[in-house]
Amino acid sequence: MKAPWMEYTVRDFQAALASSSPTPGGGTAAAIALGQAASLSVMVCDLTLGKEKWEKGWSISEELLPIAVKAMSRAGELADEDSQAFDGVMESFKLPKQTEEEKSIRLNQIRQNTLRAAIVPLETAKLSLEILKFLPDLAKYGNQNAISDVGVASLLASAACKGALFNVQINLSSLPGGYADEVSEESVKIMESSRVISREVMDIIKEKI
């Protein structure tokens, strides 16, 4: 069994990504990006809170901080769960298919595991969007000495969100119509929201730098 990805060195994780092994892949990388976005958000919040010069940013920092801290922890779990979910899909295809009963069991397992492989990155996308929603105000009112860090956090959160949604969509595309319509509809809404908010953050930062 693989060690949790968060226990890898950066070098070893990059080597694992670069390998021909199906996992880790884009979904795991997206989850790791979420963790980095959350970490940078925590840093900017800490640099803002208690500093009288940036008092206007205290409220947004106090609101964002616990969410970002939680996302830092959950991101590592999602990185592992994403790899495990895809491994589950691959294992499903190896199930026997000699009899009609075996074929039915195999098909059901493939579909269930494929849906799981879509739901895990959907959570990554949701958490990424949750952080993104705070970043326009953090960019406006947080510690301006860390404005570029807010920008990087936004880029990472956006990449995590959109990258995770690519994985949602590719897994849903292999399922029959109507099998996961709610997941599909939610992913479309998250994609559009992330696009709008990430653009807003970039505009604010360009104006301030």
N, C-alpha and C. Protein backbone atom coordinates (compact mmCIF):
# COMPACT_ATOMS: atom_id res chain seq x y z
N MET A 1 0.84 -1.20 0.00
CA MET A 1 0.00 0.00 0.00
C MET A 1 0.88 1.25 0.00
N LYS A 2 0.49 2.23 -0.83
CA LYS A 2 1.27 3.46 -0.93
C LYS A 2 1.18 4.27 0.35
N ALA A 3 2.28 4.94 0.70
CA ALA A 3 2.26 5.86 1.83
C ALA A 3 1.42 7.07 1.43
N PRO A 4 0.81 7.77 2.39
CA PRO A 4 0.06 8.99 2.08
C PRO A 4 0.95 9.96 1.30
N TRP A 5 0.37 10.61 0.32
CA TRP A 5 1.17 11.50 -0.53
C TRP A 5 1.79 12.63 0.27
N MET A 6 1.15 13.05 1.34
CA MET A 6 1.70 14.15 2.15
C MET A 6 2.98 13.75 2.87
N GLU A 7 3.26 12.47 2.94
CA GLU A 7 4.49 12.00 3.59
C GLU A 7 5.67 11.95 2.61
N TYR A 8 5.39 12.16 1.33
CA TYR A 8 6.45 12.17 0.32
C TYR A 8 7.20 13.50 0.37
N THR A 9 8.46 13.48 0.00
CA THR A 9 9.15 14.74 -0.23
C THR A 9 8.60 15.34 -1.51
N VAL A 10 8.82 16.63 -1.70
CA VAL A 10 8.37 17.28 -2.94
C VAL A 10 8.99 16.59 -4.14
N ARG A 11 10.27 16.28 -4.04
CA ARG A 11 10.97 15.62 -5.15
C ARG A 11 10.35 14.26 -5.47
N ASP A 12 10.07 13.48 -4.43
CA ASP A 12 9.50 12.14 -4.64
C ASP A 12 8.08 12.21 -5.19
N PHE A 13 7.32 13.20 -4.74
CA PHE A 13 5.96 13.34 -5.26
C PHE A 13 5.99 13.73 -6.73
N GLN A 14 6.89 14.63 -7.08
CA GLN A 14 7.01 15.01 -8.49
C GLN A 14 7.43 13.82 -9.35
N ALA A 15 8.32 13.00 -8.81
CA ALA A 15 8.74 11.81 -9.54
C ALA A 15 7.58 10.85 -9.73
N ALA A 16 6.73 10.74 -8.71
CA ALA A 16 5.56 9.86 -8.81
C ALA A 16 4.59 10.39 -9.86
N LEU A 17 4.40 11.71 -9.88
CA LEU A 17 3.54 12.32 -10.90
C LEU A 17 4.09 12.09 -12.31
N ALA A 18 5.40 12.16 -12.43
CA ALA A 18 6.04 12.03 -13.74
C ALA A 18 6.08 10.59 -14.24
N SER A 19 5.83 9.64 -13.36
CA SER A 19 5.92 8.23 -13.75
C SER A 19 4.74 7.84 -14.64
N SER A 20 4.84 6.67 -15.23
CA SER A 20 3.77 6.17 -16.10
C SER A 20 2.63 5.52 -15.32
N SER A 21 2.75 5.47 -14.01
CA SER A 21 1.69 4.91 -13.18
C SER A 21 0.44 5.78 -13.27
N PRO A 22 -0.75 5.17 -13.33
CA PRO A 22 -1.98 5.95 -13.43
C PRO A 22 -2.20 6.90 -12.24
N THR A 23 -1.67 6.51 -11.09
CA THR A 23 -1.79 7.37 -9.91
C THR A 23 -0.41 7.59 -9.29
N PRO A 24 -0.15 8.81 -8.79
CA PRO A 24 -1.04 9.96 -8.75
C PRO A 24 -1.20 10.61 -10.12
N GLY A 25 -2.32 11.26 -10.30
CA GLY A 25 -2.57 11.96 -11.55
C GLY A 25 -3.06 13.36 -11.29
N GLY A 26 -3.83 13.89 -12.24
CA GLY A 26 -4.28 15.27 -12.15
C GLY A 26 -5.16 15.56 -10.95
N GLY A 27 -5.99 14.61 -10.56
CA GLY A 27 -6.87 14.83 -9.41
C GLY A 27 -6.10 14.97 -8.12
N THR A 28 -5.07 14.14 -7.97
CA THR A 28 -4.22 14.23 -6.79
C THR A 28 -3.44 15.54 -6.80
N ALA A 29 -2.91 15.91 -7.96
CA ALA A 29 -2.17 17.17 -8.08
C ALA A 29 -3.08 18.36 -7.74
N ALA A 30 -4.34 18.28 -8.16
CA ALA A 30 -5.29 19.36 -7.85
C ALA A 30 -5.50 19.48 -6.35
N ALA A 31 -5.60 18.35 -5.67
CA ALA A 31 -5.79 18.36 -4.22
C ALA A 31 -4.58 18.96 -3.52
N ILE A 32 -3.39 18.63 -4.00
CA ILE A 32 -2.17 19.21 -3.42
C ILE A 32 -2.14 20.73 -3.65
N ALA A 33 -2.58 21.16 -4.82
CA ALA A 33 -2.65 22.60 -5.11
C ALA A 33 -3.62 23.30 -4.16
N LEU A 34 -4.72 22.63 -3.84
CA LEU A 34 -5.67 23.17 -2.86
C LEU A 34 -4.97 23.39 -1.53
N GLY A 35 -4.19 22.41 -1.09
CA GLY A 35 -3.47 22.55 0.17
C GLY A 35 -2.52 23.72 0.17
N GLN A 36 -1.86 23.95 -0.95
CA GLN A 36 -0.93 25.07 -1.05
C GLN A 36 -1.67 26.40 -1.03
N ALA A 37 -2.81 26.46 -1.73
CA ALA A 37 -3.63 27.68 -1.72
C ALA A 37 -4.11 27.99 -0.31
N ALA A 38 -4.54 26.95 0.39
CA ALA A 38 -5.01 27.13 1.77
C ALA A 38 -3.88 27.60 2.68
N SER A 39 -2.71 27.03 2.50
CA SER A 39 -1.56 27.40 3.34
C SER A 39 -1.17 28.86 3.15
N LEU A 40 -1.13 29.30 1.92
CA LEU A 40 -0.82 30.71 1.65
C LEU A 40 -1.89 31.63 2.22
N SER A 41 -3.15 31.19 2.16
CA SER A 41 -4.24 31.99 2.72
C SER A 41 -4.08 32.13 4.22
N VAL A 42 -3.70 31.04 4.88
CA VAL A 42 -3.45 31.09 6.33
C VAL A 42 -2.33 32.08 6.63
N MET A 43 -1.28 32.03 5.85
CA MET A 43 -0.15 32.93 6.07
C MET A 43 -0.58 34.40 5.98
N VAL A 44 -1.35 34.74 4.95
CA VAL A 44 -1.77 36.14 4.78
C VAL A 44 -2.71 36.56 5.90
N CYS A 45 -3.58 35.65 6.31
CA CYS A 45 -4.47 35.96 7.45
C CYS A 45 -3.65 36.25 8.70
N ASP A 46 -2.66 35.43 8.96
CA ASP A 46 -1.81 35.62 10.14
C ASP A 46 -1.04 36.93 10.07
N LEU A 47 -0.62 37.29 8.86
CA LEU A 47 0.12 38.55 8.69
C LEU A 47 -0.78 39.78 8.78
N THR A 48 -2.08 39.56 8.71
CA THR A 48 -3.05 40.66 8.76
C THR A 48 -3.59 40.87 10.17
N LEU A 49 -3.95 39.77 10.81
CA LEU A 49 -4.57 39.86 12.14
C LEU A 49 -3.63 40.49 13.17
N GLY A 50 -4.18 41.40 13.96
CA GLY A 50 -3.39 42.04 15.02
C GLY A 50 -2.56 43.22 14.56
N LYS A 51 -2.52 43.45 13.26
CA LYS A 51 -1.75 44.59 12.73
C LYS A 51 -2.71 45.77 12.53
N GLU A 52 -2.55 46.83 13.31
CA GLU A 52 -3.50 47.94 13.25
C GLU A 52 -3.61 48.55 11.85
N LYS A 53 -2.50 48.55 11.14
CA LYS A 53 -2.50 49.13 9.79
C LYS A 53 -3.47 48.41 8.88
N TRP A 54 -3.71 47.10 9.15
CA TRP A 54 -4.55 46.31 8.28
C TRP A 54 -5.84 45.89 8.98
N GLU A 55 -6.32 46.77 9.86
CA GLU A 55 -7.50 46.44 10.68
C GLU A 55 -8.73 46.13 9.82
N LYS A 56 -8.83 46.77 8.68
CA LYS A 56 -9.97 46.50 7.79
C LYS A 56 -9.98 45.04 7.31
N GLY A 57 -8.83 44.39 7.38
CA GLY A 57 -8.74 43.01 6.93
C GLY A 57 -8.92 41.98 8.02
N TRP A 58 -9.10 42.44 9.26
CA TRP A 58 -9.22 41.49 10.37
C TRP A 58 -10.46 40.60 10.23
N SER A 59 -11.57 41.22 9.90
CA SER A 59 -12.82 40.46 9.83
C SER A 59 -12.76 39.34 8.79
N ILE A 60 -12.31 39.68 7.59
CA ILE A 60 -12.22 38.66 6.54
C ILE A 60 -11.19 37.60 6.90
N SER A 61 -10.11 38.00 7.56
CA SER A 61 -9.07 37.05 7.96
C SER A 61 -9.59 36.09 9.03
N GLU A 62 -10.34 36.63 9.99
CA GLU A 62 -10.90 35.79 11.05
C GLU A 62 -11.90 34.78 10.48
N GLU A 63 -12.60 35.17 9.42
CA GLU A 63 -13.58 34.29 8.80
C GLU A 63 -12.90 33.22 7.94
N LEU A 64 -11.89 33.64 7.22
CA LEU A 64 -11.21 32.72 6.30
C LEU A 64 -10.29 31.74 7.03
N LEU A 65 -9.65 32.18 8.09
CA LEU A 65 -8.60 31.39 8.73
C LEU A 65 -9.03 29.96 9.09
N PRO A 66 -10.14 29.74 9.81
CA PRO A 66 -10.50 28.36 10.15
C PRO A 66 -10.86 27.51 8.93
N ILE A 67 -11.41 28.15 7.91
CA ILE A 67 -11.76 27.43 6.69
C ILE A 67 -10.50 26.98 5.97
N ALA A 68 -9.51 27.87 5.91
CA ALA A 68 -8.26 27.55 5.23
C ALA A 68 -7.48 26.48 6.00
N VAL A 69 -7.48 26.57 7.32
CA VAL A 69 -6.78 25.58 8.13
C VAL A 69 -7.40 24.19 7.91
N LYS A 70 -8.72 24.14 7.88
CA LYS A 70 -9.41 22.87 7.65
C LYS A 70 -9.08 22.33 6.25
N ALA A 71 -9.05 23.22 5.27
CA ALA A 71 -8.75 22.81 3.89
C ALA A 71 -7.32 22.28 3.77
N MET A 72 -6.39 22.87 4.53
CA MET A 72 -5.00 22.37 4.50
C MET A 72 -4.96 20.89 4.86
N SER A 73 -5.69 20.52 5.90
CA SER A 73 -5.71 19.14 6.37
C SER A 73 -6.48 18.23 5.41
N ARG A 74 -7.63 18.70 4.98
CA ARG A 74 -8.48 17.87 4.11
C ARG A 74 -7.84 17.66 2.75
N ALA A 75 -7.07 18.61 2.29
CA ALA A 75 -6.44 18.50 0.97
C ALA A 75 -5.54 17.27 0.88
N GLY A 76 -4.77 17.01 1.93
CA GLY A 76 -3.90 15.84 1.93
C GLY A 76 -4.70 14.56 1.87
N GLU A 77 -5.82 14.53 2.58
CA GLU A 77 -6.69 13.34 2.55
C GLU A 77 -7.29 13.16 1.16
N LEU A 78 -7.71 14.26 0.56
CA LEU A 78 -8.30 14.18 -0.78
C LEU A 78 -7.29 13.72 -1.82
N ALA A 79 -6.03 14.10 -1.63
CA ALA A 79 -4.98 13.64 -2.56
C ALA A 79 -4.91 12.12 -2.54
N ASP A 80 -4.97 11.54 -1.34
CA ASP A 80 -4.93 10.08 -1.22
C ASP A 80 -6.22 9.46 -1.74
N GLU A 81 -7.35 10.05 -1.38
CA GLU A 81 -8.65 9.50 -1.79
C GLU A 81 -8.82 9.53 -3.30
N ASP A 82 -8.28 10.54 -3.94
CA ASP A 82 -8.37 10.62 -5.40
C ASP A 82 -7.62 9.46 -6.05
N SER A 83 -6.41 9.21 -5.58
CA SER A 83 -5.63 8.09 -6.13
C SER A 83 -6.33 6.77 -5.85
N GLN A 84 -6.84 6.61 -4.64
CA GLN A 84 -7.52 5.37 -4.27
C GLN A 84 -8.78 5.15 -5.10
N ALA A 85 -9.51 6.24 -5.37
CA ALA A 85 -10.73 6.13 -6.16
C ALA A 85 -10.43 5.65 -7.57
N PHE A 86 -9.38 6.21 -8.18
CA PHE A 86 -9.04 5.78 -9.54
C PHE A 86 -8.50 4.36 -9.55
N ASP A 87 -7.73 4.02 -8.53
CA ASP A 87 -7.25 2.63 -8.42
C ASP A 87 -8.44 1.68 -8.33
N GLY A 88 -9.50 2.12 -7.64
CA GLY A 88 -10.70 1.29 -7.53
C GLY A 88 -11.37 1.07 -8.87
N VAL A 89 -11.38 2.10 -9.70
CA VAL A 89 -11.94 1.96 -11.05
C VAL A 89 -11.14 0.93 -11.84
N MET A 90 -9.84 1.04 -11.78
CA MET A 90 -8.97 0.12 -12.52
C MET A 90 -9.16 -1.33 -12.05
N GLU A 91 -9.33 -1.51 -10.74
CA GLU A 91 -9.56 -2.85 -10.20
C GLU A 91 -10.89 -3.41 -10.67
N SER A 92 -11.89 -2.54 -10.81
CA SER A 92 -13.21 -2.99 -11.25
C SER A 92 -13.15 -3.63 -12.64
N PHE A 93 -12.32 -3.08 -13.51
CA PHE A 93 -12.21 -3.61 -14.86
C PHE A 93 -11.56 -4.99 -14.89
N LYS A 94 -10.91 -5.36 -13.79
CA LYS A 94 -10.25 -6.66 -13.73
C LYS A 94 -11.17 -7.77 -13.21
N LEU A 95 -12.39 -7.41 -12.80
CA LEU A 95 -13.33 -8.39 -12.28
C LEU A 95 -13.73 -9.38 -13.37
N PRO A 96 -14.06 -10.62 -12.98
CA PRO A 96 -14.44 -11.64 -13.98
C PRO A 96 -15.71 -11.27 -14.73
N LYS A 97 -15.82 -11.71 -15.98
CA LYS A 97 -16.99 -11.39 -16.81
C LYS A 97 -17.36 -12.58 -17.70
N GLN A 98 -17.29 -13.75 -17.12
CA GLN A 98 -17.60 -14.96 -17.89
C GLN A 98 -19.11 -15.20 -17.96
N THR A 99 -19.81 -14.99 -16.86
CA THR A 99 -21.25 -15.23 -16.82
C THR A 99 -22.00 -13.91 -16.84
N GLU A 100 -23.31 -14.01 -17.07
CA GLU A 100 -24.13 -12.81 -17.07
C GLU A 100 -24.14 -12.15 -15.69
N GLU A 101 -24.14 -12.98 -14.65
CA GLU A 101 -24.12 -12.44 -13.29
C GLU A 101 -22.80 -11.71 -13.03
N GLU A 102 -21.71 -12.30 -13.45
CA GLU A 102 -20.40 -11.66 -13.28
C GLU A 102 -20.33 -10.34 -14.05
N LYS A 103 -20.88 -10.35 -15.25
CA LYS A 103 -20.89 -9.14 -16.07
C LYS A 103 -21.69 -8.03 -15.38
N SER A 104 -22.83 -8.40 -14.79
CA SER A 104 -23.67 -7.43 -14.10
C SER A 104 -22.96 -6.85 -12.88
N ILE A 105 -22.32 -7.74 -12.10
CA ILE A 105 -21.59 -7.30 -10.91
C ILE A 105 -20.44 -6.38 -11.31
N ARG A 106 -19.72 -6.78 -12.35
CA ARG A 106 -18.58 -6.00 -12.82
C ARG A 106 -19.03 -4.62 -13.28
N LEU A 107 -20.10 -4.55 -14.08
CA LEU A 107 -20.59 -3.27 -14.59
C LEU A 107 -21.02 -2.36 -13.45
N ASN A 108 -21.70 -2.94 -12.47
CA ASN A 108 -22.15 -2.16 -11.32
C ASN A 108 -20.97 -1.59 -10.53
N GLN A 109 -19.93 -2.41 -10.36
CA GLN A 109 -18.74 -1.96 -9.64
C GLN A 109 -18.01 -0.86 -10.41
N ILE A 110 -17.93 -1.02 -11.72
CA ILE A 110 -17.27 0.00 -12.54
C ILE A 110 -17.99 1.34 -12.39
N ARG A 111 -19.31 1.28 -12.45
CA ARG A 111 -20.09 2.52 -12.37
C ARG A 111 -20.00 3.15 -10.98
N GLN A 112 -20.09 2.35 -9.95
CA GLN A 112 -20.00 2.87 -8.59
C GLN A 112 -18.64 3.51 -8.33
N ASN A 113 -17.59 2.82 -8.75
CA ASN A 113 -16.24 3.34 -8.51
C ASN A 113 -15.94 4.55 -9.40
N THR A 114 -16.51 4.57 -10.59
CA THR A 114 -16.33 5.73 -11.46
C THR A 114 -17.02 6.95 -10.87
N LEU A 115 -18.21 6.74 -10.32
CA LEU A 115 -18.91 7.84 -9.66
C LEU A 115 -18.11 8.33 -8.46
N ARG A 116 -17.53 7.41 -7.72
CA ARG A 116 -16.68 7.79 -6.59
C ARG A 116 -15.49 8.61 -7.07
N ALA A 117 -14.94 8.23 -8.21
CA ALA A 117 -13.79 8.94 -8.78
C ALA A 117 -14.17 10.33 -9.26
N ALA A 118 -15.48 10.59 -9.40
CA ALA A 118 -15.95 11.94 -9.75
C ALA A 118 -16.28 12.74 -8.49
N ILE A 119 -16.80 12.07 -7.48
CA ILE A 119 -17.23 12.76 -6.26
C ILE A 119 -16.04 13.28 -5.45
N VAL A 120 -14.94 12.52 -5.41
CA VAL A 120 -13.77 12.97 -4.65
C VAL A 120 -13.23 14.29 -5.19
N PRO A 121 -12.94 14.41 -6.49
CA PRO A 121 -12.45 15.72 -6.98
C PRO A 121 -13.50 16.82 -6.90
N LEU A 122 -14.78 16.43 -6.87
CA LEU A 122 -15.82 17.45 -6.69
C LEU A 122 -15.65 18.13 -5.34
N GLU A 123 -15.29 17.37 -4.32
CA GLU A 123 -15.05 17.97 -3.01
C GLU A 123 -13.83 18.89 -3.06
N THR A 124 -12.80 18.47 -3.78
CA THR A 124 -11.62 19.33 -3.95
C THR A 124 -12.03 20.66 -4.58
N ALA A 125 -12.87 20.59 -5.59
CA ALA A 125 -13.32 21.80 -6.28
C ALA A 125 -14.15 22.68 -5.35
N LYS A 126 -15.02 22.07 -4.55
CA LYS A 126 -15.85 22.84 -3.63
C LYS A 126 -15.00 23.59 -2.60
N LEU A 127 -14.03 22.91 -2.03
CA LEU A 127 -13.16 23.54 -1.04
C LEU A 127 -12.33 24.65 -1.66
N SER A 128 -11.87 24.42 -2.88
CA SER A 128 -11.09 25.44 -3.59
C SER A 128 -11.93 26.69 -3.81
N LEU A 129 -13.17 26.49 -4.23
CA LEU A 129 -14.06 27.63 -4.47
C LEU A 129 -14.37 28.35 -3.16
N GLU A 130 -14.51 27.58 -2.09
CA GLU A 130 -14.80 28.19 -0.78
C GLU A 130 -13.69 29.16 -0.38
N ILE A 131 -12.45 28.77 -0.64
CA ILE A 131 -11.32 29.66 -0.34
C ILE A 131 -11.30 30.84 -1.31
N LEU A 132 -11.49 30.56 -2.59
CA LEU A 132 -11.48 31.61 -3.60
C LEU A 132 -12.44 32.75 -3.26
N LYS A 133 -13.60 32.41 -2.73
CA LYS A 133 -14.62 33.41 -2.45
C LYS A 133 -14.14 34.49 -1.47
N PHE A 134 -13.17 34.15 -0.62
CA PHE A 134 -12.67 35.11 0.35
C PHE A 134 -11.53 35.97 -0.20
N LEU A 135 -10.92 35.52 -1.27
CA LEU A 135 -9.68 36.16 -1.71
C LEU A 135 -9.83 37.56 -2.30
N PRO A 136 -10.95 37.90 -2.95
CA PRO A 136 -11.06 39.29 -3.40
C PRO A 136 -10.98 40.28 -2.23
N ASP A 137 -11.69 40.00 -1.14
CA ASP A 137 -11.64 40.91 0.01
C ASP A 137 -10.30 40.83 0.74
N LEU A 138 -9.68 39.64 0.75
CA LEU A 138 -8.36 39.54 1.37
C LEU A 138 -7.35 40.35 0.58
N ALA A 139 -7.51 40.34 -0.74
CA ALA A 139 -6.62 41.15 -1.58
C ALA A 139 -6.84 42.64 -1.35
N LYS A 140 -8.09 43.03 -1.13
CA LYS A 140 -8.40 44.45 -0.92
C LYS A 140 -7.95 44.95 0.45
N TYR A 141 -8.21 44.14 1.49
CA TYR A 141 -8.07 44.64 2.85
C TYR A 141 -7.00 43.96 3.70
N GLY A 142 -6.45 42.86 3.21
CA GLY A 142 -5.42 42.16 3.97
C GLY A 142 -4.09 42.89 3.91
N ASN A 143 -3.11 42.34 4.57
CA ASN A 143 -1.76 42.92 4.59
C ASN A 143 -1.24 43.07 3.16
N GLN A 144 -1.05 44.31 2.75
CA GLN A 144 -0.68 44.57 1.36
C GLN A 144 0.77 44.18 1.04
N ASN A 145 1.55 43.95 2.08
CA ASN A 145 2.90 43.45 1.85
C ASN A 145 2.88 42.00 1.35
N ALA A 146 1.72 41.35 1.51
CA ALA A 146 1.58 39.96 1.08
C ALA A 146 0.58 39.85 -0.08
N ILE A 147 0.38 40.93 -0.80
CA ILE A 147 -0.61 40.94 -1.88
C ILE A 147 -0.26 39.92 -2.97
N SER A 148 1.03 39.76 -3.25
CA SER A 148 1.42 38.78 -4.28
C SER A 148 1.13 37.36 -3.81
N ASP A 149 1.18 37.13 -2.50
CA ASP A 149 0.88 35.80 -1.96
C ASP A 149 -0.61 35.48 -2.11
N VAL A 150 -1.44 36.52 -1.98
CA VAL A 150 -2.87 36.33 -2.23
C VAL A 150 -3.07 35.94 -3.70
N GLY A 151 -2.29 36.58 -4.57
CA GLY A 151 -2.38 36.26 -5.98
C GLY A 151 -2.01 34.82 -6.28
N VAL A 152 -0.94 34.36 -5.67
CA VAL A 152 -0.52 32.97 -5.88
C VAL A 152 -1.55 32.01 -5.29
N ALA A 153 -2.08 32.36 -4.12
CA ALA A 153 -3.12 31.53 -3.50
C ALA A 153 -4.33 31.42 -4.43
N SER A 154 -4.68 32.54 -5.05
CA SER A 154 -5.81 32.54 -5.98
C SER A 154 -5.54 31.67 -7.20
N LEU A 155 -4.35 31.80 -7.76
CA LEU A 155 -3.99 30.99 -8.93
C LEU A 155 -4.01 29.50 -8.59
N LEU A 156 -3.48 29.15 -7.42
CA LEU A 156 -3.46 27.75 -7.01
C LEU A 156 -4.87 27.23 -6.73
N ALA A 157 -5.68 28.05 -6.06
CA ALA A 157 -7.06 27.63 -5.77
C ALA A 157 -7.85 27.46 -7.06
N SER A 158 -7.63 28.38 -8.00
CA SER A 158 -8.30 28.30 -9.29
C SER A 158 -7.87 27.05 -10.05
N ALA A 159 -6.57 26.78 -10.06
CA ALA A 159 -6.06 25.58 -10.73
C ALA A 159 -6.59 24.32 -10.07
N ALA A 160 -6.62 24.33 -8.73
CA ALA A 160 -7.14 23.17 -8.00
C ALA A 160 -8.60 22.93 -8.34
N CYS A 161 -9.36 24.01 -8.37
CA CYS A 161 -10.79 23.90 -8.65
C CYS A 161 -11.05 23.42 -10.07
N LYS A 162 -10.47 24.09 -11.03
CA LYS A 162 -10.71 23.74 -12.43
C LYS A 162 -10.10 22.39 -12.78
N GLY A 163 -8.92 22.12 -12.24
CA GLY A 163 -8.29 20.82 -12.49
C GLY A 163 -9.09 19.68 -11.92
N ALA A 164 -9.61 19.87 -10.71
CA ALA A 164 -10.45 18.84 -10.10
C ALA A 164 -11.71 18.62 -10.93
N LEU A 165 -12.28 19.71 -11.43
CA LEU A 165 -13.50 19.58 -12.22
C LEU A 165 -13.26 18.87 -13.55
N PHE A 166 -12.07 19.01 -14.12
CA PHE A 166 -11.75 18.22 -15.31
C PHE A 166 -11.87 16.73 -15.00
N ASN A 167 -11.42 16.36 -13.81
CA ASN A 167 -11.48 14.96 -13.41
C ASN A 167 -12.91 14.51 -13.12
N VAL A 168 -13.71 15.43 -12.58
CA VAL A 168 -15.13 15.13 -12.41
C VAL A 168 -15.76 14.84 -13.76
N GLN A 169 -15.52 15.72 -14.70
CA GLN A 169 -16.17 15.64 -16.01
C GLN A 169 -15.74 14.41 -16.80
N ILE A 170 -14.45 14.08 -16.74
CA ILE A 170 -14.00 12.93 -17.54
C ILE A 170 -14.55 11.62 -16.99
N ASN A 171 -14.73 11.56 -15.66
CA ASN A 171 -15.32 10.36 -15.08
C ASN A 171 -16.82 10.29 -15.37
N LEU A 172 -17.50 11.41 -15.28
CA LEU A 172 -18.93 11.42 -15.57
C LEU A 172 -19.21 11.07 -17.03
N SER A 173 -18.29 11.42 -17.90
CA SER A 173 -18.50 11.17 -19.33
C SER A 173 -18.57 9.68 -19.66
N SER A 174 -18.03 8.85 -18.79
CA SER A 174 -18.07 7.41 -19.04
C SER A 174 -19.27 6.74 -18.38
N LEU A 175 -20.10 7.52 -17.71
CA LEU A 175 -21.31 6.98 -17.10
C LEU A 175 -22.52 7.24 -17.98
N PRO A 176 -23.55 6.40 -17.88
CA PRO A 176 -24.75 6.60 -18.71
C PRO A 176 -25.48 7.88 -18.34
N GLY A 177 -26.18 8.46 -19.29
CA GLY A 177 -26.93 9.69 -19.04
C GLY A 177 -27.94 9.49 -17.93
N GLY A 178 -28.05 10.52 -17.08
CA GLY A 178 -28.98 10.45 -15.96
C GLY A 178 -28.43 9.77 -14.73
N TYR A 179 -27.22 9.22 -14.83
CA TYR A 179 -26.64 8.49 -13.71
C TYR A 179 -26.16 9.42 -12.60
N ALA A 180 -25.69 10.58 -12.97
CA ALA A 180 -25.15 11.52 -11.98
C ALA A 180 -25.40 12.96 -12.43
N ASP A 181 -26.64 13.25 -12.80
CA ASP A 181 -26.97 14.58 -13.31
C ASP A 181 -26.69 15.68 -12.30
N GLU A 182 -26.98 15.44 -11.03
CA GLU A 182 -26.79 16.46 -10.00
C GLU A 182 -25.32 16.83 -9.87
N VAL A 183 -24.46 15.82 -9.92
CA VAL A 183 -23.02 16.06 -9.83
C VAL A 183 -22.56 16.89 -11.03
N SER A 184 -23.07 16.53 -12.19
CA SER A 184 -22.70 17.24 -13.42
C SER A 184 -23.14 18.70 -13.37
N GLU A 185 -24.36 18.94 -12.94
CA GLU A 185 -24.88 20.30 -12.87
C GLU A 185 -24.10 21.14 -11.85
N GLU A 186 -23.78 20.52 -10.73
CA GLU A 186 -23.04 21.24 -9.69
C GLU A 186 -21.64 21.61 -10.19
N SER A 187 -21.01 20.70 -10.92
CA SER A 187 -19.66 20.96 -11.41
C SER A 187 -19.64 22.13 -12.39
N VAL A 188 -20.67 22.25 -13.20
CA VAL A 188 -20.76 23.35 -14.16
C VAL A 188 -20.87 24.68 -13.42
N LYS A 189 -21.69 24.72 -12.38
CA LYS A 189 -21.86 25.95 -11.60
C LYS A 189 -20.57 26.35 -10.89
N ILE A 190 -19.86 25.36 -10.34
CA ILE A 190 -18.61 25.64 -9.64
C ILE A 190 -17.57 26.18 -10.62
N MET A 191 -17.51 25.60 -11.80
CA MET A 191 -16.55 26.04 -12.81
C MET A 191 -16.77 27.50 -13.17
N GLU A 192 -18.01 27.89 -13.38
CA GLU A 192 -18.32 29.27 -13.76
C GLU A 192 -18.00 30.23 -12.61
N SER A 193 -18.35 29.85 -11.39
CA SER A 193 -18.07 30.70 -10.24
C SER A 193 -16.57 30.90 -10.05
N SER A 194 -15.81 29.82 -10.19
CA SER A 194 -14.36 29.93 -10.01
C SER A 194 -13.74 30.82 -11.07
N ARG A 195 -14.25 30.74 -12.27
CA ARG A 195 -13.73 31.57 -13.36
C ARG A 195 -13.95 33.05 -13.06
N VAL A 196 -15.14 33.39 -12.61
CA VAL A 196 -15.48 34.78 -12.33
C VAL A 196 -14.66 35.32 -11.16
N ILE A 197 -14.59 34.55 -10.07
CA ILE A 197 -13.91 35.03 -8.87
C ILE A 197 -12.40 35.13 -9.09
N SER A 198 -11.82 34.14 -9.75
CA SER A 198 -10.37 34.19 -9.97
C SER A 198 -9.99 35.38 -10.85
N ARG A 199 -10.85 35.72 -11.80
CA ARG A 199 -10.61 36.90 -12.63
C ARG A 199 -10.68 38.18 -11.79
N GLU A 200 -11.64 38.21 -10.87
CA GLU A 200 -11.80 39.37 -9.99
C GLU A 200 -10.56 39.58 -9.12
N VAL A 201 -10.04 38.49 -8.57
CA VAL A 201 -8.84 38.60 -7.72
C VAL A 201 -7.67 39.12 -8.53
N MET A 202 -7.49 38.58 -9.73
CA MET A 202 -6.38 39.02 -10.56
C MET A 202 -6.48 40.52 -10.90
N ASP A 203 -7.69 40.98 -11.17
CA ASP A 203 -7.88 42.40 -11.48
C ASP A 203 -7.52 43.28 -10.29
N ILE A 204 -7.93 42.86 -9.10
CA ILE A 204 -7.63 43.62 -7.89
C ILE A 204 -6.12 43.70 -7.65
N ILE A 205 -5.47 42.56 -7.81
CA ILE A 205 -4.02 42.50 -7.53
C ILE A 205 -3.24 43.31 -8.56
N LYS A 206 -3.62 43.22 -9.81
CA LYS A 206 -2.93 44.01 -10.85
C LYS A 206 -3.04 45.50 -10.57
N GLU A 207 -4.19 45.90 -10.04
CA GLU A 207 -4.41 47.33 -9.74
C GLU A 207 -3.55 47.78 -8.56
N LYS A 208 -3.32 46.87 -7.61
CA LYS A 208 -2.62 47.24 -6.39
C LYS A 208 -1.09 47.12 -6.50
N ILE A 209 -0.63 46.24 -7.35
CA ILE A 209 0.83 46.06 -7.45
C ILE A 209 1.47 47.16 -8.29
